[in-house]
PDB file of all heavy atoms in Angstrom:
ATOM      1  N   ARG A   1     -81.132  -8.359 -54.784  1.00  0.00           N
ATOM      2  CA  ARG A   1     -80.767  -8.798 -53.429  1.00  0.00           C
ATOM      3  C   ARG A   1     -81.156  -7.641 -52.427  1.00  0.00           C
ATOM      4  O   ARG A   1     -81.720  -7.903 -51.360  1.00  0.00           O
ATOM      5  CB  ARG A   1     -79.303  -9.095 -53.344  1.00  0.00           C
ATOM      6  CG  ARG A   1     -78.883 -10.456 -53.883  1.00  0.00           C
ATOM      7  CD  ARG A   1     -77.469 -10.754 -53.637  1.00  0.00           C
ATOM      8  NE  ARG A   1     -76.557  -9.895 -54.324  1.00  0.00           N
ATOM      9  CZ  ARG A   1     -76.195 -10.006 -55.569  1.00  0.00           C
ATOM     10  NH1 ARG A   1     -76.724 -11.059 -56.388  1.00  0.00           N
ATOM     11  NH2 ARG A   1     -75.312  -9.251 -56.145  1.00  0.00           N
ATOM     12  N   ALA A   2     -81.010  -6.397 -52.753  1.00  0.00           N
ATOM     13  CA  ALA A   2     -81.294  -5.330 -51.927  1.00  0.00           C
ATOM     14  C   ALA A   2     -82.831  -5.229 -51.702  1.00  0.00           C
ATOM     15  O   ALA A   2     -83.229  -4.978 -50.641  1.00  0.00           O
ATOM     16  CB  ALA A   2     -80.745  -4.003 -52.503  1.00  0.00           C
ATOM     17  N   LEU A   3     -83.545  -5.410 -52.746  1.00  0.00           N
ATOM     18  CA  LEU A   3     -85.024  -5.406 -52.612  1.00  0.00           C
ATOM     19  C   LEU A   3     -85.490  -6.491 -51.827  1.00  0.00           C
ATOM     20  O   LEU A   3     -86.415  -6.357 -51.044  1.00  0.00           O
ATOM     21  CB  LEU A   3     -85.635  -5.307 -54.048  1.00  0.00           C
ATOM     22  CG  LEU A   3     -85.521  -4.073 -54.808  1.00  0.00           C
ATOM     23  CD1 LEU A   3     -85.978  -4.224 -56.282  1.00  0.00           C
ATOM     24  CD2 LEU A   3     -86.245  -2.886 -54.119  1.00  0.00           C
ATOM     25  N   GLU A   4     -84.949  -7.650 -52.031  1.00  0.00           N
ATOM     26  CA  GLU A   4     -85.428  -8.821 -51.312  1.00  0.00           C
ATOM     27  C   GLU A   4     -85.102  -8.629 -49.764  1.00  0.00           C
ATOM     28  O   GLU A   4     -85.963  -8.919 -48.927  1.00  0.00           O
ATOM     29  CB  GLU A   4     -84.657 -10.138 -51.705  1.00  0.00           C
ATOM     30  CG  GLU A   4     -85.074 -11.354 -50.936  1.00  0.00           C
ATOM     31  CD  GLU A   4     -84.445 -12.614 -51.438  1.00  0.00           C
ATOM     32  OE1 GLU A   4     -83.694 -12.639 -52.465  1.00  0.00           O
ATOM     33  OE2 GLU A   4     -84.696 -13.676 -50.780  1.00  0.00           O
ATOM     34  N   THR A   5     -83.940  -8.090 -49.461  1.00  0.00           N
ATOM     35  CA  THR A   5     -83.687  -7.851 -48.087  1.00  0.00           C
ATOM     36  C   THR A   5     -84.554  -6.862 -47.443  1.00  0.00           C
ATOM     37  O   THR A   5     -85.066  -7.014 -46.377  1.00  0.00           O
ATOM     38  CB  THR A   5     -82.197  -7.369 -47.970  1.00  0.00           C
ATOM     39  OG1 THR A   5     -81.279  -8.346 -48.408  1.00  0.00           O
ATOM     40  CG2 THR A   5     -81.780  -6.979 -46.563  1.00  0.00           C
ATOM     41  N   GLU A   6     -84.879  -5.765 -48.342  1.00  0.00           N
ATOM     42  CA  GLU A   6     -85.710  -4.690 -47.799  1.00  0.00           C
ATOM     43  C   GLU A   6     -87.184  -5.162 -47.508  1.00  0.00           C
ATOM     44  O   GLU A   6     -87.784  -4.815 -46.560  1.00  0.00           O
ATOM     45  CB  GLU A   6     -85.746  -3.577 -48.798  1.00  0.00           C
ATOM     46  CG  GLU A   6     -86.528  -2.369 -48.348  1.00  0.00           C
ATOM     47  CD  GLU A   6     -86.436  -1.188 -49.276  1.00  0.00           C
ATOM     48  OE1 GLU A   6     -85.515  -1.178 -50.128  1.00  0.00           O
ATOM     49  OE2 GLU A   6     -87.323  -0.393 -49.178  1.00  0.00           O
ATOM     50  N   TYR A   7     -87.687  -5.969 -48.477  1.00  0.00           N
ATOM     51  CA  TYR A   7     -89.138  -6.241 -48.460  1.00  0.00           C
ATOM     52  C   TYR A   7     -89.454  -7.682 -47.817  1.00  0.00           C
ATOM     53  O   TYR A   7     -90.591  -7.959 -47.585  1.00  0.00           O
ATOM     54  CB  TYR A   7     -89.769  -6.228 -49.821  1.00  0.00           C
ATOM     55  CG  TYR A   7     -89.750  -4.777 -50.241  1.00  0.00           C
ATOM     56  CD1 TYR A   7     -88.907  -4.326 -51.206  1.00  0.00           C
ATOM     57  CD2 TYR A   7     -90.687  -3.878 -49.683  1.00  0.00           C
ATOM     58  CE1 TYR A   7     -88.933  -2.995 -51.735  1.00  0.00           C
ATOM     59  CE2 TYR A   7     -90.728  -2.540 -50.090  1.00  0.00           C
ATOM     60  CZ  TYR A   7     -89.814  -2.138 -51.188  1.00  0.00           C
ATOM     61  OH  TYR A   7     -89.879  -0.798 -51.485  1.00  0.00           O
ATOM     62  N   ARG A   8     -88.446  -8.564 -47.650  1.00  0.00           N
ATOM     63  CA  ARG A   8     -88.744  -9.874 -47.108  1.00  0.00           C
ATOM     64  C   ARG A   8     -89.553  -9.923 -45.830  1.00  0.00           C
ATOM     65  O   ARG A   8     -90.479 -10.551 -45.668  1.00  0.00           O
ATOM     66  CB  ARG A   8     -87.448 -10.743 -47.056  1.00  0.00           C
ATOM     67  CG  ARG A   8     -87.673 -12.069 -46.376  1.00  0.00           C
ATOM     68  CD  ARG A   8     -86.460 -12.875 -46.273  1.00  0.00           C
ATOM     69  NE  ARG A   8     -86.305 -13.478 -47.601  1.00  0.00           N
ATOM     70  CZ  ARG A   8     -85.346 -14.350 -47.901  1.00  0.00           C
ATOM     71  NH1 ARG A   8     -84.470 -14.659 -47.027  1.00  0.00           N
ATOM     72  NH2 ARG A   8     -85.229 -14.870 -49.046  1.00  0.00           N
ATOM     73  N   ALA A   9     -88.934  -9.189 -44.891  1.00  0.00           N
ATOM     74  CA  ALA A   9     -89.522  -9.122 -43.454  1.00  0.00           C
ATOM     75  C   ALA A   9     -90.966  -8.680 -43.554  1.00  0.00           C
ATOM     76  O   ALA A   9     -91.948  -9.261 -42.916  1.00  0.00           O
ATOM     77  CB  ALA A   9     -88.784  -8.359 -42.482  1.00  0.00           C
ATOM     78  N   GLU A  10     -91.223  -7.574 -44.328  1.00  0.00           N
ATOM     79  CA  GLU A  10     -92.551  -7.073 -44.474  1.00  0.00           C
ATOM     80  C   GLU A  10     -93.453  -8.130 -45.156  1.00  0.00           C
ATOM     81  O   GLU A  10     -94.691  -8.198 -44.777  1.00  0.00           O
ATOM     82  CB  GLU A  10     -92.518  -5.781 -45.268  1.00  0.00           C
ATOM     83  CG  GLU A  10     -93.887  -5.100 -45.386  1.00  0.00           C
ATOM     84  CD  GLU A  10     -93.762  -3.835 -46.293  1.00  0.00           C
ATOM     85  OE1 GLU A  10     -92.708  -3.145 -46.261  1.00  0.00           O
ATOM     86  OE2 GLU A  10     -94.790  -3.550 -46.926  1.00  0.00           O
ATOM     87  N   ALA A  11     -93.008  -8.771 -46.150  1.00  0.00           N
ATOM     88  CA  ALA A  11     -93.879  -9.668 -46.855  1.00  0.00           C
ATOM     89  C   ALA A  11     -94.160 -10.956 -46.111  1.00  0.00           C
ATOM     90  O   ALA A  11     -95.326 -11.469 -46.221  1.00  0.00           O
ATOM     91  CB  ALA A  11     -93.226 -10.133 -48.297  1.00  0.00           C
ATOM     92  N   LEU A  12     -93.230 -11.288 -45.250  1.00  0.00           N
ATOM     93  CA  LEU A  12     -93.458 -12.503 -44.412  1.00  0.00           C
ATOM     94  C   LEU A  12     -94.195 -12.269 -43.087  1.00  0.00           C
ATOM     95  O   LEU A  12     -94.605 -13.161 -42.468  1.00  0.00           O
ATOM     96  CB  LEU A  12     -92.119 -13.182 -44.081  1.00  0.00           C
ATOM     97  CG  LEU A  12     -91.443 -13.806 -45.282  1.00  0.00           C
ATOM     98  CD1 LEU A  12     -90.092 -14.368 -44.821  1.00  0.00           C
ATOM     99  CD2 LEU A  12     -92.280 -14.833 -45.843  1.00  0.00           C
ATOM    100  N   ARG A  13     -94.384 -10.981 -42.690  1.00  0.00           N
ATOM    101  CA  ARG A  13     -95.054 -10.668 -41.480  1.00  0.00           C
ATOM    102  C   ARG A  13     -96.415 -11.366 -41.198  1.00  0.00           C
ATOM    103  O   ARG A  13     -96.539 -11.920 -40.208  1.00  0.00           O
ATOM    104  CB  ARG A  13     -95.179  -9.185 -41.278  1.00  0.00           C
ATOM    105  CG  ARG A  13     -95.537  -8.700 -39.907  1.00  0.00           C
ATOM    106  CD  ARG A  13     -95.412  -7.205 -39.729  1.00  0.00           C
ATOM    107  NE  ARG A  13     -94.030  -6.766 -39.894  1.00  0.00           N
ATOM    108  CZ  ARG A  13     -93.593  -5.854 -40.714  1.00  0.00           C
ATOM    109  NH1 ARG A  13     -94.489  -5.207 -41.470  1.00  0.00           N
ATOM    110  NH2 ARG A  13     -92.377  -5.476 -40.795  1.00  0.00           N
ATOM    111  N   PRO A  14     -97.271 -11.383 -42.210  1.00  0.00           N
ATOM    112  CA  PRO A  14     -98.520 -12.110 -42.083  1.00  0.00           C
ATOM    113  C   PRO A  14     -98.341 -13.600 -41.866  1.00  0.00           C
ATOM    114  O   PRO A  14     -99.186 -14.245 -41.409  1.00  0.00           O
ATOM    115  CB  PRO A  14     -99.321 -11.815 -43.317  1.00  0.00           C
ATOM    116  CG  PRO A  14     -98.634 -10.652 -43.949  1.00  0.00           C
ATOM    117  CD  PRO A  14     -97.220 -10.764 -43.528  1.00  0.00           C
ATOM    118  N   TYR A  15     -97.186 -14.134 -42.180  1.00  0.00           N
ATOM    119  CA  TYR A  15     -96.947 -15.559 -42.059  1.00  0.00           C
ATOM    120  C   TYR A  15     -95.873 -15.919 -41.013  1.00  0.00           C
ATOM    121  O   TYR A  15     -95.129 -16.881 -41.210  1.00  0.00           O
ATOM    122  CB  TYR A  15     -96.486 -16.084 -43.431  1.00  0.00           C
ATOM    123  CG  TYR A  15     -97.521 -15.711 -44.507  1.00  0.00           C
ATOM    124  CD1 TYR A  15     -97.165 -14.621 -45.426  1.00  0.00           C
ATOM    125  CD2 TYR A  15     -98.694 -16.291 -44.707  1.00  0.00           C
ATOM    126  CE1 TYR A  15     -98.051 -14.203 -46.390  1.00  0.00           C
ATOM    127  CE2 TYR A  15     -99.534 -15.936 -45.689  1.00  0.00           C
ATOM    128  CZ  TYR A  15     -99.206 -14.876 -46.526  1.00  0.00           C
ATOM    129  OH  TYR A  15    -100.110 -14.525 -47.441  1.00  0.00           O
ATOM    130  N   ALA A  16     -95.782 -15.069 -40.110  1.00  0.00           N
ATOM    131  CA  ALA A  16     -94.750 -15.228 -38.990  1.00  0.00           C
ATOM    132  C   ALA A  16     -94.619 -16.579 -38.370  1.00  0.00           C
ATOM    133  O   ALA A  16     -93.623 -17.263 -38.226  1.00  0.00           O
ATOM    134  CB  ALA A  16     -94.852 -14.202 -37.933  1.00  0.00           C
ATOM    135  N   GLU A  17     -95.855 -17.160 -38.059  1.00  0.00           N
ATOM    136  CA  GLU A  17     -95.836 -18.492 -37.444  1.00  0.00           C
ATOM    137  C   GLU A  17     -95.380 -19.547 -38.417  1.00  0.00           C
ATOM    138  O   GLU A  17     -94.605 -20.425 -38.083  1.00  0.00           O
ATOM    139  CB  GLU A  17     -97.287 -18.882 -36.980  1.00  0.00           C
ATOM    140  CG  GLU A  17     -97.727 -18.051 -35.790  1.00  0.00           C
ATOM    141  CD  GLU A  17     -99.116 -18.477 -35.341  1.00  0.00           C
ATOM    142  OE1 GLU A  17     -99.519 -19.646 -35.519  1.00  0.00           O
ATOM    143  OE2 GLU A  17     -99.778 -17.657 -34.859  1.00  0.00           O
ATOM    144  N   GLU A  18     -95.817 -19.466 -39.597  1.00  0.00           N
ATOM    145  CA  GLU A  18     -95.370 -20.439 -40.716  1.00  0.00           C
ATOM    146  C   GLU A  18     -93.894 -20.280 -40.926  1.00  0.00           C
ATOM    147  O   GLU A  18     -93.269 -21.348 -41.153  1.00  0.00           O
ATOM    148  CB  GLU A  18     -96.237 -20.289 -42.021  1.00  0.00           C
ATOM    149  CG  GLU A  18     -97.691 -20.602 -41.872  1.00  0.00           C
ATOM    150  CD  GLU A  18     -98.544 -19.526 -41.342  1.00  0.00           C
ATOM    151  OE1 GLU A  18     -98.009 -18.447 -40.927  1.00  0.00           O
ATOM    152  OE2 GLU A  18     -99.793 -19.615 -41.455  1.00  0.00           O
ATOM    153  N   SER A  19     -93.400 -19.097 -41.063  1.00  0.00           N
ATOM    154  CA  SER A  19     -92.114 -18.845 -41.321  1.00  0.00           C
ATOM    155  C   SER A  19     -91.212 -19.416 -40.100  1.00  0.00           C
ATOM    156  O   SER A  19     -90.184 -20.094 -40.403  1.00  0.00           O
ATOM    157  CB  SER A  19     -91.809 -17.372 -41.522  1.00  0.00           C
ATOM    158  OG  SER A  19     -90.534 -17.151 -41.806  1.00  0.00           O
ATOM    159  N   THR A  20     -91.625 -19.212 -38.917  1.00  0.00           N
ATOM    160  CA  THR A  20     -90.905 -19.764 -37.795  1.00  0.00           C
ATOM    161  C   THR A  20     -90.862 -21.336 -37.761  1.00  0.00           C
ATOM    162  O   THR A  20     -89.832 -21.812 -37.586  1.00  0.00           O
ATOM    163  CB  THR A  20     -91.466 -19.188 -36.535  1.00  0.00           C
ATOM    164  OG1 THR A  20     -91.349 -17.756 -36.523  1.00  0.00           O
ATOM    165  CG2 THR A  20     -90.734 -19.672 -35.211  1.00  0.00           C
ATOM    166  N   ALA A  21     -92.049 -21.824 -38.030  1.00  0.00           N
ATOM    167  CA  ALA A  21     -92.066 -23.297 -38.113  1.00  0.00           C
ATOM    168  C   ALA A  21     -91.251 -23.891 -39.218  1.00  0.00           C
ATOM    169  O   ALA A  21     -90.512 -24.880 -38.951  1.00  0.00           O
ATOM    170  CB  ALA A  21     -93.576 -23.791 -38.346  1.00  0.00           C
ATOM    171  N   TYR A  22     -91.224 -23.306 -40.396  1.00  0.00           N
ATOM    172  CA  TYR A  22     -90.382 -23.610 -41.504  1.00  0.00           C
ATOM    173  C   TYR A  22     -88.888 -23.581 -41.104  1.00  0.00           C
ATOM    174  O   TYR A  22     -88.123 -24.555 -41.280  1.00  0.00           O
ATOM    175  CB  TYR A  22     -90.588 -22.761 -42.696  1.00  0.00           C
ATOM    176  CG  TYR A  22     -89.524 -22.893 -43.746  1.00  0.00           C
ATOM    177  CD1 TYR A  22     -89.558 -23.982 -44.639  1.00  0.00           C
ATOM    178  CD2 TYR A  22     -88.476 -21.993 -43.968  1.00  0.00           C
ATOM    179  CE1 TYR A  22     -88.633 -24.223 -45.611  1.00  0.00           C
ATOM    180  CE2 TYR A  22     -87.497 -22.201 -44.977  1.00  0.00           C
ATOM    181  CZ  TYR A  22     -87.610 -23.279 -45.814  1.00  0.00           C
ATOM    182  OH  TYR A  22     -86.737 -23.482 -46.664  1.00  0.00           O
ATOM    183  N   ARG A  23     -88.499 -22.552 -40.447  1.00  0.00           N
ATOM    184  CA  ARG A  23     -87.066 -22.440 -39.992  1.00  0.00           C
ATOM    185  C   ARG A  23     -86.668 -23.573 -39.031  1.00  0.00           C
ATOM    186  O   ARG A  23     -85.587 -24.125 -39.186  1.00  0.00           O
ATOM    187  CB  ARG A  23     -86.801 -20.997 -39.455  1.00  0.00           C
ATOM    188  CG  ARG A  23     -86.634 -20.009 -40.624  1.00  0.00           C
ATOM    189  CD  ARG A  23     -86.063 -18.712 -39.925  1.00  0.00           C
ATOM    190  NE  ARG A  23     -86.703 -18.122 -38.873  1.00  0.00           N
ATOM    191  CZ  ARG A  23     -87.751 -17.298 -38.854  1.00  0.00           C
ATOM    192  NH1 ARG A  23     -88.193 -16.977 -40.058  1.00  0.00           N
ATOM    193  NH2 ARG A  23     -88.231 -16.791 -37.796  1.00  0.00           N
ATOM    194  N   ARG A  24     -87.544 -23.768 -38.081  1.00  0.00           N
ATOM    195  CA  ARG A  24     -87.312 -24.838 -37.111  1.00  0.00           C
ATOM    196  C   ARG A  24     -87.225 -26.145 -37.760  1.00  0.00           C
ATOM    197  O   ARG A  24     -86.289 -26.947 -37.447  1.00  0.00           O
ATOM    198  CB  ARG A  24     -88.454 -24.802 -36.055  1.00  0.00           C
ATOM    199  CG  ARG A  24     -88.363 -23.757 -35.026  1.00  0.00           C
ATOM    200  CD  ARG A  24     -89.439 -23.823 -34.063  1.00  0.00           C
ATOM    201  NE  ARG A  24     -89.431 -22.665 -33.132  1.00  0.00           N
ATOM    202  CZ  ARG A  24     -90.493 -22.101 -32.629  1.00  0.00           C
ATOM    203  NH1 ARG A  24     -91.647 -22.607 -32.814  1.00  0.00           N
ATOM    204  NH2 ARG A  24     -90.304 -21.079 -31.861  1.00  0.00           N
ATOM    205  N   MET A  25     -88.138 -26.493 -38.659  1.00  0.00           N
ATOM    206  CA  MET A  25     -88.130 -27.849 -39.313  1.00  0.00           C
ATOM    207  C   MET A  25     -86.917 -27.948 -40.172  1.00  0.00           C
ATOM    208  O   MET A  25     -86.325 -28.972 -40.268  1.00  0.00           O
ATOM    209  CB  MET A  25     -89.356 -27.964 -40.241  1.00  0.00           C
ATOM    210  CG  MET A  25     -90.612 -28.170 -39.358  1.00  0.00           C
ATOM    211  SD  MET A  25     -92.061 -28.568 -40.428  1.00  0.00           S
ATOM    212  CE  MET A  25     -92.339 -26.976 -41.227  1.00  0.00           C
ATOM    213  N   ARG A  26     -86.454 -26.811 -40.833  1.00  0.00           N
ATOM    214  CA  ARG A  26     -85.281 -26.901 -41.736  1.00  0.00           C
ATOM    215  C   ARG A  26     -84.071 -27.130 -40.881  1.00  0.00           C
ATOM    216  O   ARG A  26     -83.195 -28.022 -41.160  1.00  0.00           O
ATOM    217  CB  ARG A  26     -85.171 -25.538 -42.451  1.00  0.00           C
ATOM    218  CG  ARG A  26     -84.134 -25.543 -43.410  1.00  0.00           C
ATOM    219  CD  ARG A  26     -84.173 -24.167 -44.235  1.00  0.00           C
ATOM    220  NE  ARG A  26     -83.060 -24.093 -45.067  1.00  0.00           N
ATOM    221  CZ  ARG A  26     -82.309 -23.035 -45.336  1.00  0.00           C
ATOM    222  NH1 ARG A  26     -82.647 -21.911 -44.740  1.00  0.00           N
ATOM    223  NH2 ARG A  26     -81.265 -23.077 -46.138  1.00  0.00           N
ATOM    224  N   LEU A  27     -83.940 -26.455 -39.760  1.00  0.00           N
ATOM    225  CA  LEU A  27     -82.785 -26.704 -38.848  1.00  0.00           C
ATOM    226  C   LEU A  27     -82.864 -28.057 -38.296  1.00  0.00           C
ATOM    227  O   LEU A  27     -81.751 -28.719 -38.137  1.00  0.00           O
ATOM    228  CB  LEU A  27     -82.715 -25.728 -37.785  1.00  0.00           C
ATOM    229  CG  LEU A  27     -82.373 -24.233 -38.201  1.00  0.00           C
ATOM    230  CD1 LEU A  27     -82.597 -23.245 -37.069  1.00  0.00           C
ATOM    231  CD2 LEU A  27     -81.030 -24.185 -38.731  1.00  0.00           C
ATOM    232  N   ALA A  28     -83.948 -28.582 -37.876  1.00  0.00           N
ATOM    233  CA  ALA A  28     -84.032 -29.944 -37.324  1.00  0.00           C
ATOM    234  C   ALA A  28     -83.631 -30.952 -38.421  1.00  0.00           C
ATOM    235  O   ALA A  28     -83.005 -31.904 -38.191  1.00  0.00           O
ATOM    236  CB  ALA A  28     -85.402 -30.236 -36.857  1.00  0.00           C
ATOM    237  N   ALA A  29     -84.038 -30.787 -39.628  1.00  0.00           N
ATOM    238  CA  ALA A  29     -83.803 -31.641 -40.784  1.00  0.00           C
ATOM    239  C   ALA A  29     -82.309 -31.697 -41.033  1.00  0.00           C
ATOM    240  O   ALA A  29     -81.702 -32.671 -41.238  1.00  0.00           O
ATOM    241  CB  ALA A  29     -84.555 -31.327 -41.945  1.00  0.00           C
ATOM    242  N   LEU A  30     -81.666 -30.530 -40.955  1.00  0.00           N
ATOM    243  CA  LEU A  30     -80.211 -30.348 -41.176  1.00  0.00           C
ATOM    244  C   LEU A  30     -79.474 -31.185 -40.093  1.00  0.00           C
ATOM    245  O   LEU A  30     -78.596 -31.835 -40.374  1.00  0.00           O
ATOM    246  CB  LEU A  30     -79.852 -28.927 -41.168  1.00  0.00           C
ATOM    247  CG  LEU A  30     -78.348 -28.613 -41.509  1.00  0.00           C
ATOM    248  CD1 LEU A  30     -77.913 -29.242 -42.856  1.00  0.00           C
ATOM    249  CD2 LEU A  30     -78.100 -27.097 -41.456  1.00  0.00           C
ATOM    250  N   ALA A  31     -79.949 -30.941 -38.843  1.00  0.00           N
ATOM    251  CA  ALA A  31     -79.276 -31.631 -37.763  1.00  0.00           C
ATOM    252  C   ALA A  31     -79.428 -33.204 -37.866  1.00  0.00           C
ATOM    253  O   ALA A  31     -78.439 -33.902 -37.725  1.00  0.00           O
ATOM    254  CB  ALA A  31     -79.842 -31.155 -36.375  1.00  0.00           C
TER     255      ALA A  31
END
């Protein structure tokens, strides 16, 4: 868990747009 927290943001940085789109779609689907 500590390693995931530490490295997640760095690993996802190149995919920022995709990650943001995923979060938006997930929240919309939940709603």
